[in-house]
N, C-alpha and C. Protein backbone atom coordinates (compact mmCIF):
# COMPACT_ATOMS: atom_id res chain seq x y z
N UNK A 1 -77.66 -32.06 -16.19
CA UNK A 1 -77.25 -30.92 -15.39
C UNK A 1 -78.12 -29.72 -15.72
N UNK A 2 -78.36 -28.94 -14.72
CA UNK A 2 -79.17 -27.75 -14.94
C UNK A 2 -78.28 -26.58 -15.34
N UNK A 3 -78.92 -25.57 -15.92
CA UNK A 3 -78.17 -24.37 -16.31
C UNK A 3 -77.55 -23.70 -15.11
N UNK A 4 -78.24 -23.77 -13.96
CA UNK A 4 -77.74 -23.12 -12.74
C UNK A 4 -76.43 -23.75 -12.30
N UNK A 5 -76.30 -25.07 -12.45
CA UNK A 5 -75.07 -25.75 -12.05
C UNK A 5 -73.91 -25.38 -12.96
N UNK A 6 -74.20 -25.07 -14.21
CA UNK A 6 -73.15 -24.75 -15.18
C UNK A 6 -72.85 -23.25 -15.24
N UNK A 7 -73.53 -22.46 -14.44
CA UNK A 7 -73.32 -21.01 -14.41
C UNK A 7 -71.91 -20.73 -13.87
N UNK A 8 -71.09 -20.02 -14.63
CA UNK A 8 -69.71 -19.74 -14.18
C UNK A 8 -69.64 -19.09 -12.80
N UNK A 9 -70.58 -18.21 -12.50
CA UNK A 9 -70.56 -17.55 -11.18
C UNK A 9 -70.78 -18.57 -10.07
N UNK A 10 -71.71 -19.50 -10.28
CA UNK A 10 -71.96 -20.54 -9.28
C UNK A 10 -70.75 -21.45 -9.12
N UNK A 11 -70.11 -21.77 -10.24
CA UNK A 11 -68.92 -22.62 -10.18
C UNK A 11 -67.80 -21.91 -9.41
N UNK A 12 -67.58 -20.62 -9.71
CA UNK A 12 -66.54 -19.86 -9.01
C UNK A 12 -66.85 -19.75 -7.52
N UNK A 13 -68.12 -19.52 -7.17
CA UNK A 13 -68.50 -19.46 -5.76
C UNK A 13 -68.25 -20.79 -5.07
N UNK A 14 -68.56 -21.89 -5.76
CA UNK A 14 -68.33 -23.21 -5.19
C UNK A 14 -66.86 -23.48 -4.97
N UNK A 15 -66.04 -23.12 -5.94
CA UNK A 15 -64.59 -23.30 -5.80
C UNK A 15 -64.06 -22.45 -4.64
N UNK A 16 -64.55 -21.22 -4.53
CA UNK A 16 -64.10 -20.33 -3.45
C UNK A 16 -64.47 -20.89 -2.08
N UNK A 17 -65.68 -21.41 -1.96
CA UNK A 17 -66.11 -22.00 -0.68
C UNK A 17 -65.27 -23.23 -0.34
N UNK A 18 -65.02 -24.05 -1.35
CA UNK A 18 -64.19 -25.24 -1.13
C UNK A 18 -62.77 -24.84 -0.73
N UNK A 19 -62.25 -23.81 -1.35
CA UNK A 19 -60.92 -23.31 -1.02
C UNK A 19 -60.87 -22.85 0.43
N UNK A 20 -61.89 -22.14 0.86
CA UNK A 20 -61.96 -21.68 2.25
C UNK A 20 -61.98 -22.88 3.22
N UNK A 21 -62.76 -23.89 2.88
CA UNK A 21 -62.86 -25.09 3.72
C UNK A 21 -61.51 -25.81 3.81
N UNK A 22 -60.84 -25.96 2.68
CA UNK A 22 -59.56 -26.67 2.65
C UNK A 22 -58.50 -25.88 3.40
N UNK A 23 -58.50 -24.56 3.28
CA UNK A 23 -57.51 -23.75 4.01
C UNK A 23 -57.70 -23.86 5.51
N UNK A 24 -58.94 -23.91 5.96
CA UNK A 24 -59.22 -24.08 7.40
C UNK A 24 -58.76 -25.45 7.87
N UNK A 25 -59.00 -26.47 7.07
CA UNK A 25 -58.55 -27.82 7.42
C UNK A 25 -57.03 -27.90 7.42
N UNK A 26 -56.40 -27.23 6.47
CA UNK A 26 -54.94 -27.22 6.37
C UNK A 26 -54.32 -26.60 7.62
N UNK A 27 -54.97 -25.58 8.15
CA UNK A 27 -54.46 -24.92 9.36
C UNK A 27 -54.45 -25.87 10.56
N UNK A 28 -55.32 -26.86 10.52
CA UNK A 28 -55.42 -27.82 11.63
C UNK A 28 -54.59 -29.08 11.40
N UNK A 29 -54.00 -29.21 10.21
CA UNK A 29 -53.22 -30.40 9.88
C UNK A 29 -52.00 -30.50 10.79
N UNK A 30 -51.70 -31.73 11.18
CA UNK A 30 -50.59 -31.96 12.11
C UNK A 30 -49.33 -32.45 11.41
N UNK A 31 -49.48 -33.37 10.49
CA UNK A 31 -48.29 -33.99 9.89
C UNK A 31 -47.91 -33.30 8.57
N UNK A 32 -46.65 -33.43 8.20
CA UNK A 32 -46.22 -32.87 6.92
C UNK A 32 -46.98 -33.49 5.73
N UNK A 33 -47.32 -34.77 5.84
CA UNK A 33 -48.05 -35.44 4.77
C UNK A 33 -49.44 -34.82 4.60
N UNK A 34 -50.11 -34.55 5.72
CA UNK A 34 -51.42 -33.90 5.66
C UNK A 34 -51.31 -32.51 5.05
N UNK A 35 -50.32 -31.77 5.49
CA UNK A 35 -50.13 -30.40 4.98
C UNK A 35 -49.83 -30.42 3.48
N UNK A 36 -49.04 -31.40 3.04
CA UNK A 36 -48.73 -31.52 1.62
C UNK A 36 -49.99 -31.81 0.81
N UNK A 37 -50.80 -32.74 1.31
CA UNK A 37 -52.03 -33.08 0.60
C UNK A 37 -52.95 -31.87 0.49
N UNK A 38 -53.10 -31.13 1.59
CA UNK A 38 -53.94 -29.94 1.55
C UNK A 38 -53.35 -28.87 0.64
N UNK A 39 -52.04 -28.71 0.65
CA UNK A 39 -51.42 -27.68 -0.20
C UNK A 39 -51.61 -28.01 -1.68
N UNK A 40 -51.58 -29.29 -2.02
CA UNK A 40 -51.83 -29.68 -3.42
C UNK A 40 -53.27 -29.39 -3.81
N UNK A 41 -54.19 -29.63 -2.88
CA UNK A 41 -55.60 -29.34 -3.15
C UNK A 41 -55.80 -27.84 -3.31
N UNK A 42 -55.16 -27.05 -2.46
CA UNK A 42 -55.26 -25.58 -2.56
C UNK A 42 -54.72 -25.12 -3.91
N UNK A 43 -53.59 -25.65 -4.31
CA UNK A 43 -53.01 -25.28 -5.61
C UNK A 43 -53.97 -25.59 -6.75
N UNK A 44 -54.56 -26.78 -6.73
CA UNK A 44 -55.48 -27.18 -7.79
C UNK A 44 -56.72 -26.29 -7.82
N UNK A 45 -57.27 -25.98 -6.65
CA UNK A 45 -58.44 -25.11 -6.59
C UNK A 45 -58.11 -23.71 -7.10
N UNK A 46 -56.95 -23.19 -6.73
CA UNK A 46 -56.54 -21.86 -7.18
C UNK A 46 -56.34 -21.83 -8.70
N UNK A 47 -55.75 -22.89 -9.24
CA UNK A 47 -55.58 -22.96 -10.68
C UNK A 47 -56.94 -23.01 -11.38
N UNK A 48 -57.88 -23.76 -10.81
CA UNK A 48 -59.23 -23.84 -11.39
C UNK A 48 -59.91 -22.49 -11.35
N UNK A 49 -59.79 -21.79 -10.24
CA UNK A 49 -60.38 -20.47 -10.12
C UNK A 49 -59.74 -19.51 -11.12
N UNK A 50 -58.44 -19.64 -11.32
CA UNK A 50 -57.72 -18.80 -12.27
C UNK A 50 -58.22 -18.97 -13.69
N UNK A 51 -58.64 -20.19 -14.04
CA UNK A 51 -59.18 -20.44 -15.38
C UNK A 51 -60.41 -19.57 -15.60
N UNK A 52 -61.30 -19.52 -14.62
CA UNK A 52 -62.51 -18.71 -14.76
C UNK A 52 -62.20 -17.23 -14.77
N UNK A 53 -61.27 -16.80 -13.94
CA UNK A 53 -60.92 -15.37 -13.91
C UNK A 53 -60.28 -14.93 -15.23
N UNK A 54 -59.43 -15.78 -15.81
CA UNK A 54 -58.84 -15.45 -17.12
C UNK A 54 -59.91 -15.40 -18.20
N UNK A 55 -60.86 -16.33 -18.12
CA UNK A 55 -61.94 -16.33 -19.11
C UNK A 55 -62.76 -15.06 -19.02
N UNK A 56 -63.04 -14.63 -17.80
CA UNK A 56 -63.80 -13.39 -17.61
C UNK A 56 -63.01 -12.20 -18.15
N UNK A 57 -61.73 -12.15 -17.87
CA UNK A 57 -60.93 -11.02 -18.34
C UNK A 57 -60.82 -11.00 -19.86
N UNK A 58 -60.90 -12.17 -20.48
CA UNK A 58 -60.86 -12.22 -21.94
C UNK A 58 -62.17 -11.76 -22.56
N UNK A 59 -63.27 -11.94 -21.84
CA UNK A 59 -64.59 -11.62 -22.38
C UNK A 59 -64.99 -10.18 -22.11
N UNK A 60 -64.67 -9.69 -20.92
CA UNK A 60 -65.07 -8.34 -20.55
C UNK A 60 -64.22 -7.29 -21.25
N UNK A 61 -64.87 -6.25 -21.73
CA UNK A 61 -64.09 -5.16 -22.33
C UNK A 61 -63.35 -4.39 -21.24
N UNK A 62 -62.17 -3.94 -21.55
CA UNK A 62 -61.39 -3.18 -20.59
C UNK A 62 -60.90 -1.91 -21.27
N UNK A 63 -61.15 -0.80 -20.59
CA UNK A 63 -60.66 0.48 -21.08
C UNK A 63 -59.62 0.99 -20.09
N UNK A 64 -58.54 1.48 -20.60
CA UNK A 64 -57.44 1.98 -19.76
C UNK A 64 -57.96 3.03 -18.79
N UNK A 65 -57.63 2.84 -17.51
CA UNK A 65 -58.01 3.83 -16.50
C UNK A 65 -59.43 3.70 -15.96
N UNK A 66 -60.16 2.69 -16.41
CA UNK A 66 -61.53 2.49 -15.96
C UNK A 66 -61.58 1.27 -15.05
N UNK A 67 -62.11 1.41 -13.82
CA UNK A 67 -62.20 0.25 -12.94
C UNK A 67 -63.21 -0.76 -13.47
N UNK A 68 -62.94 -2.03 -13.22
CA UNK A 68 -63.85 -3.08 -13.66
C UNK A 68 -64.81 -3.40 -12.53
N UNK A 69 -66.10 -3.43 -12.80
CA UNK A 69 -67.10 -3.83 -11.82
C UNK A 69 -67.39 -5.30 -11.97
N UNK A 70 -67.35 -6.03 -10.86
CA UNK A 70 -67.69 -7.46 -10.90
C UNK A 70 -68.95 -7.68 -10.14
């Protein structure tokens, strides 16, 4: 694997794009089974994205009253 593939920003962007794709597909789903499958995928992608966001918040310094630039 290359360093670019392991870059957290690239991983987060990939997860975000996949989330967008799955949400669009979910909107077109007809059956409850399809909607359930898509909703589980959305949940998993959101949890994965949350892991990276928590890691960033743990690493970045935060000062009270100061906005964080991403």
